[in-house]
N, C-alpha and C. Protein backbone atom coordinates (compact mmCIF):
# COMPACT_ATOMS: atom_id res chain seq x y z
N UNK A 1 1.92 -27.51 -17.93
CA UNK A 1 1.12 -26.24 -18.80
C UNK A 1 -0.37 -26.49 -18.87
N UNK A 2 -0.62 -25.40 -19.27
CA UNK A 2 -1.62 -25.11 -18.70
C UNK A 2 -2.88 -25.17 -20.52
N UNK A 3 -3.80 -25.58 -20.48
CA UNK A 3 -4.68 -26.10 -22.08
C UNK A 3 -5.36 -25.13 -22.62
N UNK A 4 -5.25 -24.33 -23.58
CA UNK A 4 -5.83 -23.60 -24.27
C UNK A 4 -7.34 -24.08 -24.95
N UNK A 5 -8.19 -23.08 -24.15
CA UNK A 5 -9.33 -23.83 -24.23
C UNK A 5 -10.38 -23.03 -25.28
N UNK A 6 -9.71 -22.10 -26.03
CA UNK A 6 -9.58 -21.47 -27.29
C UNK A 6 -10.46 -20.73 -26.91
N UNK A 7 -11.36 -20.20 -25.94
CA UNK A 7 -12.36 -18.88 -25.47
C UNK A 7 -11.62 -17.53 -25.28
N UNK A 8 -12.18 -16.84 -25.94
CA UNK A 8 -11.55 -15.49 -25.39
C UNK A 8 -12.10 -15.75 -24.40
N UNK A 9 -11.54 -14.64 -23.08
CA UNK A 9 -11.79 -13.71 -21.86
C UNK A 9 -12.60 -12.99 -22.19
N UNK A 10 -13.10 -12.99 -21.11
CA UNK A 10 -14.98 -12.09 -20.79
C UNK A 10 -14.47 -11.24 -20.36
N UNK A 11 -15.48 -9.94 -20.52
CA UNK A 11 -15.39 -8.66 -19.87
C UNK A 11 -15.13 -9.30 -18.30
N UNK A 12 -14.40 -8.30 -17.52
CA UNK A 12 -14.06 -8.93 -15.60
C UNK A 12 -13.48 -10.22 -15.64
N UNK A 13 -13.13 -10.81 -16.62
CA UNK A 13 -12.05 -11.88 -15.87
C UNK A 13 -11.10 -11.91 -15.71
N UNK A 14 -10.85 -10.55 -16.37
CA UNK A 14 -9.16 -9.97 -15.81
C UNK A 14 -8.66 -9.33 -14.59
N UNK A 15 -7.78 -9.36 -13.91
CA UNK A 15 -7.27 -8.52 -12.37
C UNK A 15 -6.32 -8.03 -12.36
N UNK A 16 -7.00 -6.97 -11.57
CA UNK A 16 -4.74 -6.73 -11.53
C UNK A 16 -4.30 -7.40 -10.70
N UNK A 17 -3.09 -7.67 -10.42
CA UNK A 17 -2.04 -7.62 -9.25
C UNK A 17 -1.72 -7.13 -9.09
N UNK A 18 -1.27 -7.03 -7.65
CA UNK A 18 -0.65 -5.88 -6.76
C UNK A 18 -1.33 -4.85 -6.31
N UNK A 19 -2.30 -4.82 -6.43
CA UNK A 19 -3.71 -3.55 -6.44
C UNK A 19 -3.71 -2.64 -5.07
N UNK A 20 -2.87 -1.63 -4.83
CA UNK A 20 -2.99 -1.42 -3.41
C UNK A 20 -4.35 -1.50 -2.84
N UNK A 21 -3.87 -1.59 -1.56
CA UNK A 21 -5.54 -1.30 -0.38
C UNK A 21 -5.99 -0.27 0.14
N UNK A 22 -6.73 0.49 -0.07
CA UNK A 22 -6.79 1.41 0.93
C UNK A 22 -6.75 1.26 2.30
N UNK A 23 -5.78 1.71 3.16
CA UNK A 23 -6.00 1.77 4.64
C UNK A 23 -6.21 3.32 5.38
N UNK A 24 -6.88 3.74 6.47
CA UNK A 24 -7.30 4.36 7.53
C UNK A 24 -6.09 4.81 8.80
N UNK A 25 -4.83 5.17 8.63
CA UNK A 25 -3.61 5.32 9.57
C UNK A 25 -4.35 6.38 10.52
N UNK A 26 -3.28 6.18 11.82
CA UNK A 26 -3.29 7.07 12.35
C UNK A 26 -1.81 7.47 12.40
N UNK A 27 -1.97 8.68 12.55
CA UNK A 27 -0.81 9.42 12.30
C UNK A 27 -0.24 10.23 13.70
N UNK A 28 1.28 9.85 14.22
CA UNK A 28 1.49 10.31 15.48
C UNK A 28 2.22 11.92 14.80
N UNK A 29 3.33 12.56 15.70
CA UNK A 29 4.26 13.37 15.26
C UNK A 29 5.07 13.27 13.96
N UNK A 30 4.97 14.41 13.25
CA UNK A 30 5.99 14.49 12.27
C UNK A 30 4.82 13.30 10.64
N UNK A 31 3.65 12.99 11.19
CA UNK A 31 2.98 12.33 10.31
C UNK A 31 3.20 10.71 10.23
N UNK A 32 4.60 9.94 11.01
CA UNK A 32 4.41 8.96 10.83
C UNK A 32 3.46 8.21 11.43
N UNK A 33 3.27 7.33 10.59
CA UNK A 33 1.89 5.89 10.84
C UNK A 33 2.24 5.92 12.47
N UNK A 34 0.75 5.29 13.18
CA UNK A 34 1.26 5.14 15.02
C UNK A 34 0.05 3.90 14.56
N UNK A 35 -0.47 3.82 14.22
CA UNK A 35 -1.38 2.50 14.12
C UNK A 35 -2.78 2.36 12.84
N UNK A 36 -3.06 1.13 12.88
CA UNK A 36 -3.95 0.86 11.18
C UNK A 36 -5.55 0.94 12.18
N UNK A 37 -6.54 1.39 11.81
CA UNK A 37 -7.66 1.43 11.59
C UNK A 37 -8.59 0.42 10.93
N UNK A 38 -8.15 -0.28 9.95
CA UNK A 38 -8.67 -1.29 9.73
C UNK A 38 -8.80 -2.95 9.98
N UNK A 39 -10.52 -2.88 9.87
CA UNK A 39 -10.55 -4.11 10.13
C UNK A 39 -9.97 -3.89 12.16
N UNK A 40 -10.53 -2.91 12.78
CA UNK A 40 -9.70 -3.64 14.12
C UNK A 40 -8.88 -2.73 13.91
N UNK A 41 -8.17 -1.55 15.29
CA UNK A 41 -7.56 -1.28 16.10
C UNK A 41 -6.22 -1.84 15.69
N UNK A 42 -5.28 -1.61 15.34
CA UNK A 42 -4.11 -2.45 15.77
C UNK A 42 -2.73 -1.07 15.33
N UNK A 43 -1.94 -1.50 16.87
CA UNK A 43 -1.05 -0.32 17.00
C UNK A 43 0.58 -0.90 16.70
N UNK A 44 1.09 -0.04 16.06
CA UNK A 44 2.47 -0.13 15.19
C UNK A 44 3.27 -0.04 15.87
N UNK A 45 3.79 -1.16 16.29
CA UNK A 45 4.71 -1.44 17.21
C UNK A 45 6.80 -0.91 17.17
N UNK A 46 6.87 -1.52 14.93
CA UNK A 46 7.33 -0.74 14.87
C UNK A 46 7.75 -0.64 13.91
N UNK A 47 8.35 1.03 13.37
CA UNK A 47 9.09 0.60 11.50
C UNK A 47 10.25 0.40 11.53
N UNK A 48 10.26 -0.36 10.83
CA UNK A 48 11.56 -1.10 9.94
C UNK A 48 12.17 -0.53 9.40
N UNK A 49 11.79 0.03 8.72
CA UNK A 49 12.98 0.59 7.79
C UNK A 49 11.40 2.09 6.48
N UNK A 50 11.80 2.74 6.32
CA UNK A 50 11.13 3.83 5.37
C UNK A 50 12.35 4.21 4.14
N UNK A 51 11.60 4.33 3.29
CA UNK A 51 11.77 5.18 1.80
C UNK A 51 11.32 5.77 1.40
N UNK A 52 11.66 6.30 0.52
CA UNK A 52 10.58 7.79 -0.67
C UNK A 52 10.71 6.94 -2.16
N UNK A 53 9.95 7.11 -2.43
CA UNK A 53 10.06 7.18 -4.59
C UNK A 53 9.28 8.70 -4.45
N UNK A 54 10.08 8.85 -5.78
CA UNK A 54 9.54 10.58 -6.09
C UNK A 54 9.74 10.31 -7.81
N UNK A 55 8.71 9.97 -8.60
CA UNK A 55 9.09 9.17 -9.39
C UNK A 55 8.13 10.32 -10.65
N UNK A 56 8.14 10.28 -12.16
CA UNK A 56 7.60 10.71 -12.99
C UNK A 56 7.16 12.10 -13.17
N UNK A 57 7.79 12.91 -12.76
CA UNK A 57 7.41 14.55 -11.85
C UNK A 57 7.17 14.91 -13.93
N UNK A 58 7.39 14.78 -14.30
CA UNK A 58 7.23 15.50 -15.46
C UNK A 58 5.56 14.87 -16.04
N UNK A 59 5.25 14.03 -15.89
CA UNK A 59 3.41 13.53 -15.83
C UNK A 59 2.87 14.09 -15.46
N UNK A 60 1.40 13.73 -15.71
CA UNK A 60 0.44 14.99 -15.39
C UNK A 60 0.55 13.94 -14.33
N UNK A 61 0.40 12.68 -13.75
CA UNK A 61 0.02 11.67 -12.63
C UNK A 61 1.51 11.61 -11.88
N UNK A 62 2.03 12.56 -11.63
CA UNK A 62 3.51 12.11 -10.58
C UNK A 62 3.10 11.15 -9.58
N UNK A 63 4.01 10.48 -9.49
CA UNK A 63 4.00 9.61 -8.02
C UNK A 63 5.07 10.32 -7.04
N UNK A 64 4.56 10.11 -5.93
CA UNK A 64 5.11 11.02 -4.71
C UNK A 64 4.90 10.33 -4.25
N UNK A 65 5.76 9.08 -2.95
CA UNK A 65 5.11 8.44 -1.81
C UNK A 65 6.23 7.95 -0.72
N UNK A 66 5.68 8.00 0.71
CA UNK A 66 6.60 7.10 1.59
C UNK A 66 6.46 5.95 1.99
N UNK A 67 7.72 5.55 1.37
CA UNK A 67 6.38 3.79 1.86
C UNK A 67 7.37 3.49 3.88
N UNK A 68 6.67 2.21 4.09
CA UNK A 68 7.14 1.79 5.45
C UNK A 68 7.24 0.79 5.95
N UNK A 69 7.85 -0.69 5.82
CA UNK A 69 8.26 -1.44 6.65
C UNK A 69 8.17 -1.51 7.65
N UNK A 70 6.37 -2.08 8.32
CA UNK A 70 6.25 -1.73 9.87
C UNK A 70 6.26 -3.35 10.66
N UNK A 71 5.69 -3.56 11.45
CA UNK A 71 5.77 -4.72 12.47
C UNK A 71 4.40 -4.52 13.36
N UNK A 72 3.53 -4.99 13.38
CA UNK A 72 2.13 -4.16 13.99
C UNK A 72 2.38 -4.93 15.84
N UNK A 73 1.76 -4.57 16.57
CA UNK A 73 1.49 -4.83 18.02
C UNK A 73 1.26 -6.37 17.86
N UNK A 74 0.53 -7.73 16.56
CA UNK A 74 0.24 -8.51 16.87
C UNK A 74 1.70 -9.19 16.01
N UNK A 75 2.36 -8.63 16.09
CA UNK A 75 3.75 -9.54 15.08
C UNK A 75 3.70 -9.77 13.91
N UNK A 76 2.12 -9.04 13.02
CA UNK A 76 2.34 -9.28 11.38
C UNK A 76 3.36 -7.98 11.23
N UNK A 77 3.29 -8.57 9.66
CA UNK A 77 4.56 -7.51 9.45
C UNK A 77 3.78 -6.85 7.89
N UNK A 78 3.83 -5.36 7.71
CA UNK A 78 3.01 -4.88 6.68
C UNK A 78 4.32 -3.63 5.73
N UNK A 79 3.71 -3.51 4.54
CA UNK A 79 4.82 -2.67 3.56
C UNK A 79 3.65 -1.94 4.01
N UNK A 80 3.67 -0.42 4.11
CA UNK A 80 2.56 0.36 3.89
C UNK A 80 2.86 1.68 3.24
N UNK A 81 1.87 2.68 2.77
CA UNK A 81 3.04 4.25 2.19
C UNK A 81 2.07 5.00 1.88
N UNK A 82 2.39 6.01 2.12
CA UNK A 82 1.34 7.78 1.99
C UNK A 82 2.05 8.03 0.97
N UNK A 83 0.96 7.88 0.16
CA UNK A 83 0.59 9.14 -1.52
C UNK A 83 0.62 10.63 -0.71
N UNK A 84 1.56 11.04 -1.09
CA UNK A 84 1.86 12.73 -0.72
C UNK A 84 1.50 13.84 -1.65
N UNK A 85 0.85 13.16 -2.67
CA UNK A 85 -0.30 14.01 -3.50
C UNK A 85 -1.73 13.29 -3.43
N UNK A 86 -2.44 12.40 -2.82
CA UNK A 86 -3.27 12.48 -3.09
C UNK A 86 -3.84 12.49 -1.12
N UNK A 87 -2.61 12.14 -0.37
CA UNK A 87 -2.75 12.41 1.39
C UNK A 87 -3.60 11.22 1.63
N UNK A 88 -3.30 10.21 1.07
CA UNK A 88 -3.86 9.24 1.26
C UNK A 88 -2.90 7.55 1.47
N UNK A 89 -3.25 6.75 2.70
CA UNK A 89 -2.59 5.31 2.53
C UNK A 89 -2.94 4.23 2.34
N UNK A 90 -1.93 3.80 1.80
CA UNK A 90 -2.65 2.77 1.35
C UNK A 90 -1.81 0.97 1.51
N UNK A 91 -1.58 -0.36 1.55
CA UNK A 91 -1.04 -1.22 2.20
C UNK A 91 -0.59 -1.77 0.50
N UNK A 92 0.66 -2.43 0.36
CA UNK A 92 0.50 -2.76 -1.38
C UNK A 92 1.92 -3.89 -0.84
N UNK A 93 1.40 -5.44 -1.19
CA UNK A 93 2.35 -6.69 -1.37
C UNK A 93 3.70 -6.51 -1.80
N UNK A 94 4.16 -7.03 -1.96
CA UNK A 94 5.63 -7.41 -2.67
C UNK A 94 6.01 -8.38 -2.98
């Protein structure tokens, strides 16, 4: 158990957990991801799974994403998604 110091948290000491990381993705036919450009170009060797989430369509900020579980040519596995509303790619750990 962590001991309570009695001090109030300072501004900037809290951070979000599992914050999506913006990515630069090269898209191929049909908009499928082919390579990552972040930190050097890395080819996507396989798309292992994909799924779509459309949620909160009734709100001012709806969610529409297509997720991909991918394996890079290096063997690294990632979950990435394309925000269909902002037309941007992100990486997010689970």
